[in-house]
Amino acid sequence: MNFNLRDIYSHMGVFALGIAWTLVLFAIASLAVFIERLFVFFRSRSISKRFAARAGPFLVQHQHEALVKEAEATKGSHLAMLLGGGMKTFLAKCRAPAGKLGPVELTRREMVRLSERVNADVRRGMSVLATVGSVAPFVGLLGTVVGIIEAFAGIAKEGSGGLGAVSAGIAEALVVTALGLLVAIPAVLMFNFLTTRADALQLSLDAARSEFMDYLEDLGAVKPTAANGAAVATGPELATHREGRDVRPA
């Protein structure tokens, strides 16, 4: 028997073939997640840069309704998802009756929840890479152990032994272990690479969230402008509601 992969594959048992094809499916799943996450990160970064360039003038001119509409129209940007949701919450709380917490504090809490959802979306699918990287070597080892057991069972059945009798079976079994390592090592590398990119993206989003909250706090008594040009009550103006005066925009 020539020990090439084609011959080894043709002599594999049913169990060894099942293990081998399971590892191949693991490899395909890992590669699919890696490519999909790379596409998502690249698209989010590219679209977020364009959104930031358009959102800046809206904030400077206090055109907050326009910012919300721009964020809702921007798909695939985690920055737009975060800032658009935060501004939408801020405007809604400004129009609502005053409560114990002001619009800025309520928006801060909503931004934390939005950030958690964005983080979950950024890392979606990466658990597949972690699972493959940790499980694939053991799956390959399982195939090796079963293959060696079958090789020695064949020796017992034939009643003869020796290196020549078991070498073919052991080689077939060890190929499965090698396949498990070939699947696991790239999966670990891909997971570490994507984790680094996800951490960098999350760090930039946290910085944007912090700057956005600073903007809302500095806004103070400045009135955000609605789409129809009417002023929206903010900050100290909401206190007048407790005195029975209507502060909602006309």
Protein backbone atom coordinates (compact mmCIF):
# COMPACT_ATOMS: atom_id res chain seq x y z
CA MET A 1 0.00 0.00 0.00
CA ASN A 2 1.34 3.41 -0.92
CA PHE A 3 0.81 5.89 1.90
CA ASN A 4 -0.65 8.79 -0.01
CA LEU A 5 -3.78 10.65 1.00
CA ARG A 6 -5.94 9.10 -1.72
CA ASP A 7 -5.08 5.56 -0.67
CA ILE A 8 -5.48 6.38 3.00
CA TYR A 9 -8.88 7.94 2.35
CA SER A 10 -10.03 4.92 0.33
CA HIS A 11 -9.09 2.55 3.18
CA MET A 12 -10.71 4.60 5.98
CA GLY A 13 -13.55 3.05 7.92
CA VAL A 14 -17.01 4.54 8.28
CA PHE A 15 -16.23 6.14 11.64
CA ALA A 16 -12.96 7.68 10.44
CA LEU A 17 -14.69 9.07 7.35
CA GLY A 18 -17.40 10.60 9.56
CA ILE A 19 -14.75 12.28 11.71
CA ALA A 20 -12.87 13.54 8.66
CA TRP A 21 -15.97 15.05 7.04
CA THR A 22 -16.98 16.61 10.37
CA LEU A 23 -13.62 18.37 10.49
CA VAL A 24 -14.06 19.51 6.89
CA LEU A 25 -17.43 21.04 7.84
CA PHE A 26 -15.71 22.74 10.79
CA ALA A 27 -13.17 24.24 8.40
CA ILE A 28 -15.85 25.50 6.02
CA ALA A 29 -17.83 27.07 8.89
CA SER A 30 -14.71 28.78 10.25
CA LEU A 31 -13.77 30.19 6.86
CA ALA A 32 -17.33 31.40 6.23
CA VAL A 33 -17.46 33.22 9.59
CA PHE A 34 -14.04 34.77 9.01
CA ILE A 35 -14.91 36.12 5.56
CA GLU A 36 -18.33 37.38 6.71
CA ARG A 37 -16.86 39.19 9.73
CA LEU A 38 -14.13 40.78 7.63
CA PHE A 39 -16.79 42.07 5.24
CA VAL A 40 -18.89 43.43 8.12
CA PHE A 41 -15.91 45.21 9.72
CA PHE A 42 -14.76 46.72 6.43
CA ARG A 43 -18.27 47.85 5.50
CA SER A 44 -18.96 49.33 8.94
CA ARG A 45 -15.69 51.25 8.94
CA SER A 46 -16.21 52.62 5.44
CA ILE A 47 -19.86 53.61 5.94
CA SER A 48 -19.20 55.03 9.41
CA LYS A 49 -16.56 57.38 8.03
CA ARG A 50 -19.04 58.77 5.51
CA PHE A 51 -21.75 59.01 8.17
CA ALA A 52 -19.44 60.87 10.56
CA ALA A 53 -18.62 63.40 7.84
CA ARG A 54 -22.34 64.08 7.32
CA ALA A 55 -23.33 63.94 11.00
CA GLY A 56 -20.78 66.50 12.17
CA PRO A 57 -22.47 69.53 10.55
CA PHE A 58 -25.88 68.39 11.86
CA LEU A 59 -24.58 68.45 15.43
CA VAL A 60 -22.85 71.80 14.98
CA GLN A 61 -26.07 73.34 13.61
CA HIS A 62 -28.25 71.49 16.19
CA GLN A 63 -30.22 69.79 13.42
CA HIS A 64 -30.96 66.77 15.56
CA GLU A 65 -33.99 65.50 13.68
CA ALA A 66 -31.94 65.53 10.49
CA LEU A 67 -29.25 63.51 12.27
CA VAL A 68 -31.77 60.87 13.29
CA LYS A 69 -33.10 60.61 9.73
CA GLU A 70 -29.58 60.35 8.36
CA ALA A 71 -28.75 57.58 10.84
CA GLU A 72 -31.91 55.65 9.99
CA ALA A 73 -31.09 55.91 6.29
CA THR A 74 -27.52 54.67 6.85
CA LYS A 75 -27.41 50.88 6.85
CA GLY A 76 -24.45 48.75 7.89
CA SER A 77 -22.83 51.34 10.17
CA HIS A 78 -22.47 50.59 13.86
CA LEU A 79 -21.71 54.26 14.50
CA ALA A 80 -24.97 55.33 12.87
CA MET A 81 -26.84 52.70 14.88
CA LEU A 82 -25.34 54.01 18.12
CA LEU A 83 -25.59 57.76 17.59
CA GLY A 84 -28.95 57.62 15.80
CA GLY A 85 -30.50 55.59 18.60
CA GLY A 86 -29.04 57.88 21.24
CA MET A 87 -30.26 61.08 19.59
CA LYS A 88 -33.70 59.59 18.98
CA THR A 89 -33.95 58.73 22.68
CA PHE A 90 -32.76 62.19 23.70
CA LEU A 91 -35.37 63.97 21.57
CA ALA A 92 -38.13 61.68 22.81
CA LYS A 93 -37.22 62.29 26.45
CA CYS A 94 -37.05 66.05 25.87
CA ARG A 95 -40.64 66.04 24.61
CA ALA A 96 -41.90 63.78 27.40
CA PRO A 97 -43.09 65.11 30.77
CA ALA A 98 -40.27 65.72 33.22
CA GLY A 99 -39.40 62.86 35.56
CA LYS A 100 -36.83 62.17 38.22
CA LEU A 101 -34.09 61.68 35.62
CA GLY A 102 -33.28 64.25 32.97
CA PRO A 103 -33.03 63.56 29.22
CA VAL A 104 -29.24 63.39 29.30
CA GLU A 105 -29.11 60.74 32.01
CA LEU A 106 -31.84 58.68 30.36
CA THR A 107 -29.99 58.93 27.06
CA ARG A 108 -26.76 57.85 28.75
CA ARG A 109 -28.44 54.69 30.02
CA GLU A 110 -29.97 53.97 26.64
CA MET A 111 -26.56 54.45 25.00
CA VAL A 112 -25.11 51.80 27.32
CA ARG A 113 -27.80 49.36 26.22
CA LEU A 114 -27.23 50.26 22.57
CA SER A 115 -23.51 49.77 23.01
CA GLU A 116 -24.10 46.28 24.41
CA ARG A 117 -26.28 45.38 21.42
CA VAL A 118 -23.71 46.76 19.01
CA ASN A 119 -20.96 44.78 20.75
CA ALA A 120 -23.01 41.60 20.42
CA ASP A 121 -23.53 42.30 16.72
CA VAL A 122 -19.83 42.99 16.20
CA ARG A 123 -18.84 39.64 17.74
CA ARG A 124 -21.65 37.64 16.17
CA GLY A 125 -20.43 34.28 14.89
CA MET A 126 -17.01 34.47 16.51
CA SER A 127 -18.02 31.80 19.01
CA VAL A 128 -17.95 29.37 16.06
CA LEU A 129 -14.23 30.04 15.60
CA ALA A 130 -13.57 29.64 19.32
CA THR A 131 -15.48 26.36 19.37
CA VAL A 132 -13.72 24.95 16.31
CA GLY A 133 -10.31 25.99 17.64
CA SER A 134 -10.86 24.22 20.94
CA VAL A 135 -12.86 21.16 19.80
CA ALA A 136 -11.25 20.19 16.45
CA PRO A 137 -8.03 18.72 17.97
CA PHE A 138 -10.08 16.50 20.28
CA VAL A 139 -12.33 15.39 17.43
CA GLY A 140 -9.22 14.40 15.47
CA LEU A 141 -7.82 12.63 18.52
CA LEU A 142 -11.07 10.69 18.86
CA GLY A 143 -10.68 9.49 15.28
CA THR A 144 -7.09 8.46 15.98
CA VAL A 145 -8.01 6.46 19.07
CA VAL A 146 -10.83 4.65 17.30
CA GLY A 147 -8.62 3.99 14.28
CA ILE A 148 -5.89 2.42 16.41
CA ILE A 149 -8.48 0.31 18.22
CA GLU A 150 -9.73 -0.95 14.86
CA ALA A 151 -6.16 -1.70 13.75
CA PHE A 152 -5.44 -3.83 16.80
CA ALA A 153 -8.87 -5.46 16.53
CA GLY A 154 -7.89 -6.53 13.01
CA ILE A 155 -4.66 -8.03 14.34
CA ALA A 156 -6.59 -9.96 16.95
CA LYS A 157 -9.01 -11.23 14.32
CA GLU A 158 -6.29 -12.37 11.92
CA GLY A 159 -4.14 -13.82 14.68
CA SER A 160 -0.94 -12.22 13.40
CA GLY A 161 0.86 -9.02 14.32
CA GLY A 162 3.94 -7.03 13.51
CA LEU A 163 4.68 -3.51 12.36
CA GLY A 164 3.60 -4.18 8.82
CA ALA A 165 0.22 -5.39 9.95
CA VAL A 166 -0.62 -2.29 12.00
CA SER A 167 1.24 0.48 10.16
CA ALA A 168 -1.49 1.06 7.59
CA GLY A 169 -4.24 1.35 10.21
CA ILE A 170 -2.17 3.61 12.44
CA ALA A 171 -1.32 5.86 9.49
CA GLU A 172 -5.00 6.21 8.64
CA ALA A 173 -5.77 7.08 12.26
CA LEU A 174 -3.01 9.67 12.55
CA VAL A 175 -4.18 11.42 9.38
CA VAL A 176 -7.40 12.29 11.22
CA THR A 177 -5.41 13.89 14.06
CA ALA A 178 -3.38 15.88 11.54
CA LEU A 179 -6.61 17.04 9.90
CA GLY A 180 -7.96 18.15 13.27
CA LEU A 181 -4.86 20.25 13.89
CA LEU A 182 -4.99 21.71 10.38
CA VAL A 183 -8.54 22.87 11.09
CA ALA A 184 -7.95 24.09 14.67
CA ILE A 185 -4.78 26.15 14.15
CA PRO A 186 -6.19 28.50 11.46
CA ALA A 187 -9.44 28.81 13.45
CA VAL A 188 -7.51 30.04 16.50
CA LEU A 189 -5.51 32.48 14.38
CA MET A 190 -8.67 33.80 12.72
CA PHE A 191 -10.40 34.16 16.09
CA ASN A 192 -7.50 36.16 17.55
CA PHE A 193 -7.36 38.39 14.46
CA LEU A 194 -11.09 39.10 14.51
CA THR A 195 -11.01 39.69 18.28
CA THR A 196 -8.34 42.35 17.79
CA ARG A 197 -10.39 44.03 15.06
CA ALA A 198 -13.58 43.83 17.14
CA ASP A 199 -11.84 45.35 20.16
CA ALA A 200 -10.51 48.22 18.04
CA LEU A 201 -13.97 48.84 16.59
CA GLN A 202 -15.60 48.73 20.01
CA LEU A 203 -12.98 51.13 21.40
CA SER A 204 -13.70 53.66 18.65
CA LEU A 205 -17.45 53.33 19.25
CA ASP A 206 -16.98 53.87 22.98
CA ALA A 207 -14.98 57.01 22.23
CA ALA A 208 -17.74 58.25 19.91
CA ARG A 209 -20.37 57.50 22.55
CA SER A 210 -18.39 59.44 25.17
CA GLU A 211 -17.99 62.44 22.86
CA PHE A 212 -21.68 62.32 22.01
CA MET A 213 -22.64 62.36 25.69
CA ASP A 214 -20.27 65.29 26.25
CA TYR A 215 -22.07 67.09 23.44
CA LEU A 216 -25.47 66.49 25.05
CA GLU A 217 -24.24 67.67 28.44
CA ASP A 218 -22.71 70.81 26.93
CA LEU A 219 -25.91 71.44 25.02
CA GLY A 220 -27.51 72.69 28.22
CA ALA A 221 -30.27 75.15 27.46
CA VAL A 222 -29.56 75.21 23.72
CA LYS A 223 -32.66 74.12 21.88
CA PRO A 224 -32.29 71.30 19.35
CA THR A 225 -34.02 72.19 16.12
CA ALA A 226 -36.77 69.93 14.84
CA ALA A 227 -37.37 69.24 11.18
CA ASN A 228 -40.07 71.93 10.97
CA GLY A 229 -37.84 74.54 12.60
CA ALA A 230 -39.61 74.40 15.97
CA ALA A 231 -37.53 74.39 19.14
CA VAL A 232 -37.44 71.31 21.34
CA ALA A 233 -37.31 71.88 25.10
CA THR A 234 -34.19 70.55 26.79
CA GLY A 235 -32.40 70.52 30.12
CA PRO A 236 -33.46 73.35 32.46
CA GLU A 237 -36.54 74.14 30.38
CA LEU A 238 -38.08 70.82 31.39
CA ALA A 239 -38.25 72.04 34.98
CA THR A 240 -40.97 74.50 33.99
CA HIS A 241 -43.24 71.53 33.35
CA ARG A 242 -43.34 70.90 37.08
CA GLU A 243 -44.80 74.39 37.50
CA GLY A 244 -47.68 73.56 35.16
CA ARG A 245 -46.40 75.19 32.01
CA ASP A 246 -46.43 73.37 28.68
CA VAL A 247 -42.95 73.21 27.19
CA ARG A 248 -43.69 70.95 24.27
CA PRO A 249 -43.02 72.38 20.81
CA ALA A 250 -46.01 73.75 19.00
